[in-house]
Amino acid sequence: AAPEDLPPLFRGMVRSGRRTAAATDAAGAAAALAARLGELRADERVRYVTDLVREQAARVLGHATPKAVDVTQEFRELGFDSLTALELRNHLSTATGLRLPATLVFDYPTPTALAEHLVSELAPGDEDPQGPSLLAELDRLEALFAAGEHDGITRAGLALRLGRMLDKVRGGTPEATGTPVDDAFESASADEVFAFIDNELGRMGDH
């Protein structure tokens, strides 16, 4: 008999049985994921879970393939809103067996950052001792910057720090190059600092 044809007491028993079966399936999927991660190296785990996040994100957004989900792009730029963000959270909770917050995609705004967080939760004893990757941290900082309004002083200070980082990324130091980078930055205007960064980004793109 169909559930609606049963007395209320038995209807409740049927629904409970379905919930139990769903919980069992979810537990099995989470156990399989944990077992699979246990077979992989740390860097492979992040790639594997990133693929999982992309697959579930594509499913929620209605894409035919996970390749449509750019792992470096923010979820809001991918088309997520509060409802689809919650749906993705639910799918990932089922797949991982983790209790995940409703604000998941806002706390970890890109698929890469989210995957690294999930790996740290799923394999807490095996995470990279250096913590999240630099690219994931840059994703997070970029999202924080984009989320608010900043005055000229804050922007100039950020540009100063980024300029110093760019010098280190290139492998140069004031001592090695003979260029007083810090002094030049300290005395530069905000527009000059931004112009320097634009120039350096252009130089890096040429390599």
Protein backbone atom coordinates (compact mmCIF):
# COMPACT_ATOMS: atom_id res chain seq x y z
CA ALA A 1 0.00 0.00 0.00
CA ALA A 2 1.08 3.56 -0.62
CA PRO A 3 2.03 5.58 2.49
CA GLU A 4 -1.02 7.83 2.12
CA ASP A 5 -3.30 4.75 2.26
CA LEU A 6 -1.93 3.71 5.66
CA PRO A 7 -3.14 4.83 9.08
CA PRO A 8 -1.19 7.84 10.47
CA LEU A 9 0.83 5.64 12.85
CA PHE A 10 2.07 3.45 10.02
CA ARG A 11 2.70 6.42 7.76
CA GLY A 12 5.15 7.70 10.37
CA MET A 13 6.87 4.32 10.45
CA VAL A 14 7.29 4.34 6.65
CA ARG A 15 8.77 7.85 6.68
CA SER A 16 11.07 6.91 9.53
CA GLY A 17 12.24 3.88 7.59
CA ARG A 18 13.04 6.03 4.59
CA ARG A 19 14.96 8.50 6.74
CA THR A 20 16.92 5.61 8.27
CA ALA A 21 17.76 4.24 4.83
CA ALA A 22 18.89 7.69 3.65
CA ALA A 23 21.06 8.11 6.74
CA THR A 24 22.60 4.69 6.14
CA ASP A 25 23.37 5.56 2.52
CA ALA A 26 24.93 8.87 3.57
CA ALA A 27 27.06 7.15 6.20
CA GLY A 28 28.24 4.65 3.61
CA ALA A 29 29.18 7.40 1.16
CA ALA A 30 31.08 9.31 3.85
CA ALA A 31 32.93 6.16 4.92
CA ALA A 32 33.88 5.44 1.31
CA LEU A 33 35.18 8.99 0.91
CA ALA A 34 37.24 8.75 4.11
CA ALA A 35 38.69 5.43 2.96
CA ARG A 36 39.59 6.87 -0.43
CA LEU A 37 41.29 9.90 1.12
CA GLY A 38 43.30 7.54 3.31
CA GLU A 39 44.82 6.05 0.17
CA LEU A 40 45.96 9.39 -1.22
CA ARG A 41 48.83 11.76 -0.52
CA ALA A 42 48.04 15.17 0.99
CA ASP A 43 48.15 17.05 -2.34
CA GLU A 44 46.08 14.35 -4.03
CA ARG A 45 43.41 14.61 -1.33
CA VAL A 46 42.85 18.29 -2.06
CA ARG A 47 42.52 17.59 -5.79
CA TYR A 48 40.14 14.71 -5.13
CA VAL A 49 37.87 16.75 -2.85
CA THR A 50 38.06 19.72 -5.22
CA ASP A 51 36.64 17.45 -7.92
CA LEU A 52 33.87 16.47 -5.49
CA VAL A 53 33.05 20.12 -4.78
CA ARG A 54 33.01 20.90 -8.51
CA GLU A 55 30.74 17.94 -9.20
CA GLN A 56 28.25 18.95 -6.53
CA ALA A 57 28.40 22.63 -7.49
CA ALA A 58 27.71 21.76 -11.13
CA ARG A 59 24.81 19.59 -10.02
CA VAL A 60 23.26 22.41 -8.01
CA LEU A 61 23.72 24.97 -10.78
CA GLY A 62 22.43 22.62 -13.47
CA HIS A 63 25.65 22.42 -15.47
CA ALA A 64 26.19 19.40 -17.69
CA THR A 65 29.80 18.99 -16.58
CA PRO A 66 31.91 19.92 -13.52
CA LYS A 67 34.34 21.60 -15.91
CA ALA A 68 31.92 24.51 -16.02
CA VAL A 69 32.88 25.31 -12.41
CA ASP A 70 36.09 27.34 -12.18
CA VAL A 71 37.84 26.32 -8.95
CA THR A 72 39.45 29.74 -8.52
CA GLN A 73 36.24 31.74 -8.98
CA GLU A 74 34.09 32.79 -6.04
CA PHE A 75 30.83 30.92 -5.56
CA ARG A 76 28.82 34.13 -5.88
CA GLU A 77 30.49 34.76 -9.24
CA LEU A 78 29.65 31.21 -10.29
CA GLY A 79 25.97 32.03 -9.75
CA PHE A 80 25.28 30.87 -6.21
CA ASP A 81 22.74 32.63 -4.03
CA SER A 82 21.56 31.88 -0.50
CA LEU A 83 19.29 29.02 -1.59
CA THR A 84 21.76 27.28 -3.90
CA ALA A 85 24.52 27.79 -1.33
CA LEU A 86 22.40 25.95 1.21
CA GLU A 87 21.67 23.19 -1.30
CA LEU A 88 25.38 22.75 -1.98
CA ARG A 89 26.02 22.60 1.77
CA ASN A 90 23.44 19.82 2.07
CA HIS A 91 24.95 17.78 -0.76
CA LEU A 92 28.44 18.12 0.69
CA SER A 93 27.22 17.22 4.16
CA THR A 94 25.75 14.02 2.75
CA ALA A 95 28.87 13.22 0.73
CA THR A 96 31.32 13.85 3.55
CA GLY A 97 29.33 12.98 6.66
CA LEU A 98 30.34 16.32 8.16
CA ARG A 99 28.06 18.79 9.91
CA LEU A 100 28.65 21.86 7.83
CA PRO A 101 27.40 25.42 8.55
CA ALA A 102 24.82 27.15 6.40
CA THR A 103 27.42 29.86 5.70
CA LEU A 104 29.87 27.33 4.23
CA VAL A 105 30.36 28.91 0.80
CA PHE A 106 30.66 32.36 2.34
CA ASP A 107 33.27 31.20 4.85
CA TYR A 108 35.25 29.47 2.08
CA PRO A 109 34.38 31.51 -1.01
CA THR A 110 36.05 29.42 -3.76
CA PRO A 111 35.93 25.68 -4.55
CA THR A 112 39.66 25.42 -3.85
CA ALA A 113 39.41 27.04 -0.42
CA LEU A 114 36.36 24.94 0.42
CA ALA A 115 38.06 21.71 -0.65
CA GLU A 116 41.09 22.44 1.52
CA HIS A 117 38.81 23.08 4.48
CA LEU A 118 36.95 19.81 3.93
CA VAL A 119 40.20 17.86 3.71
CA SER A 120 41.37 19.40 6.98
CA GLU A 121 38.11 18.25 8.59
CA LEU A 122 38.12 14.78 7.03
CA ALA A 123 41.80 14.03 7.71
CA PRO A 124 42.77 16.31 10.63
CA GLY A 125 45.88 14.31 11.50
CA ASP A 126 47.30 14.41 8.00
CA GLU A 127 46.85 17.96 6.83
CA ASP A 128 49.74 19.93 5.46
CA PRO A 129 51.67 21.30 8.47
CA GLN A 130 52.10 24.56 6.62
CA GLY A 131 48.34 25.07 6.64
CA PRO A 132 46.22 26.24 3.69
CA SER A 133 47.99 26.87 0.39
CA LEU A 134 49.11 30.37 -0.48
CA LEU A 135 46.67 30.48 -3.38
CA ALA A 136 43.77 29.54 -1.11
CA GLU A 137 44.78 32.27 1.32
CA LEU A 138 44.96 34.76 -1.54
CA ASP A 139 41.45 33.70 -2.59
CA ARG A 140 40.24 34.37 0.95
CA LEU A 141 41.94 37.76 1.19
CA GLU A 142 40.66 38.79 -2.22
CA ALA A 143 37.13 37.91 -1.13
CA LEU A 144 37.53 39.93 2.07
CA PHE A 145 38.76 42.94 0.11
CA ALA A 146 35.93 42.69 -2.41
CA ALA A 147 33.33 42.42 0.36
CA GLY A 148 33.98 45.86 1.84
CA GLU A 149 34.75 49.48 1.05
CA HIS A 150 38.23 50.78 1.84
CA ASP A 151 39.57 54.30 2.20
CA GLY A 152 42.67 55.60 0.44
CA ILE A 153 44.95 54.99 3.42
CA THR A 154 43.91 51.34 3.69
CA ARG A 155 44.28 50.83 -0.04
CA ALA A 156 47.71 52.45 -0.08
CA GLY A 157 48.83 50.32 2.87
CA LEU A 158 47.61 47.18 1.15
CA ALA A 159 49.34 48.20 -2.05
CA LEU A 160 52.55 48.71 -0.08
CA ARG A 161 52.39 45.21 1.37
CA LEU A 162 51.54 43.68 -1.99
CA GLY A 163 54.45 45.51 -3.59
CA ARG A 164 56.84 44.04 -1.05
CA MET A 165 55.38 40.58 -1.68
CA LEU A 166 55.84 40.99 -5.41
CA ASP A 167 59.50 41.81 -4.86
CA LYS A 168 59.90 38.62 -2.81
CA VAL A 169 58.01 36.53 -5.40
CA ARG A 170 60.48 37.69 -8.04
CA GLY A 171 63.29 36.57 -5.75
CA GLY A 172 64.71 40.04 -5.32
CA THR A 173 65.59 41.83 -2.10
CA PRO A 174 66.70 45.42 -1.50
CA GLU A 175 70.15 44.11 -0.56
CA ALA A 176 70.46 41.92 -3.64
CA THR A 177 69.20 44.46 -6.16
CA GLY A 178 70.54 47.61 -4.58
CA THR A 179 67.06 49.17 -4.80
CA PRO A 180 65.65 50.71 -1.58
CA VAL A 181 62.19 49.28 -2.18
CA ASP A 182 60.78 50.04 1.25
CA ASP A 183 62.01 53.63 1.21
CA ALA A 184 60.57 54.16 -2.25
CA PHE A 185 57.21 52.79 -1.17
CA GLU A 186 57.08 54.78 2.04
CA SER A 187 57.61 58.05 0.19
CA ALA A 188 55.35 57.19 -2.76
CA SER A 189 51.78 58.36 -3.17
CA ALA A 190 48.94 55.86 -3.39
CA ASP A 191 48.72 56.41 -7.17
CA GLU A 192 52.46 55.77 -7.52
CA VAL A 193 52.23 52.57 -5.51
CA PHE A 194 49.33 51.33 -7.64
CA ALA A 195 51.23 52.20 -10.81
CA PHE A 196 54.22 50.21 -9.55
CA ILE A 197 52.05 47.16 -8.87
CA ASP A 198 50.40 47.40 -12.29
CA ASN A 199 53.83 47.54 -13.88
CA GLU A 200 55.12 44.57 -11.88
CA LEU A 201 52.08 42.47 -12.68
CA GLY A 202 52.65 43.20 -16.32
CA ARG A 203 56.29 42.12 -16.02
CA MET A 204 55.32 38.89 -14.28
CA GLY A 205 52.79 38.12 -17.02
CA ASP A 206 55.55 38.39 -19.63
CA HIS A 207 57.56 35.53 -18.04
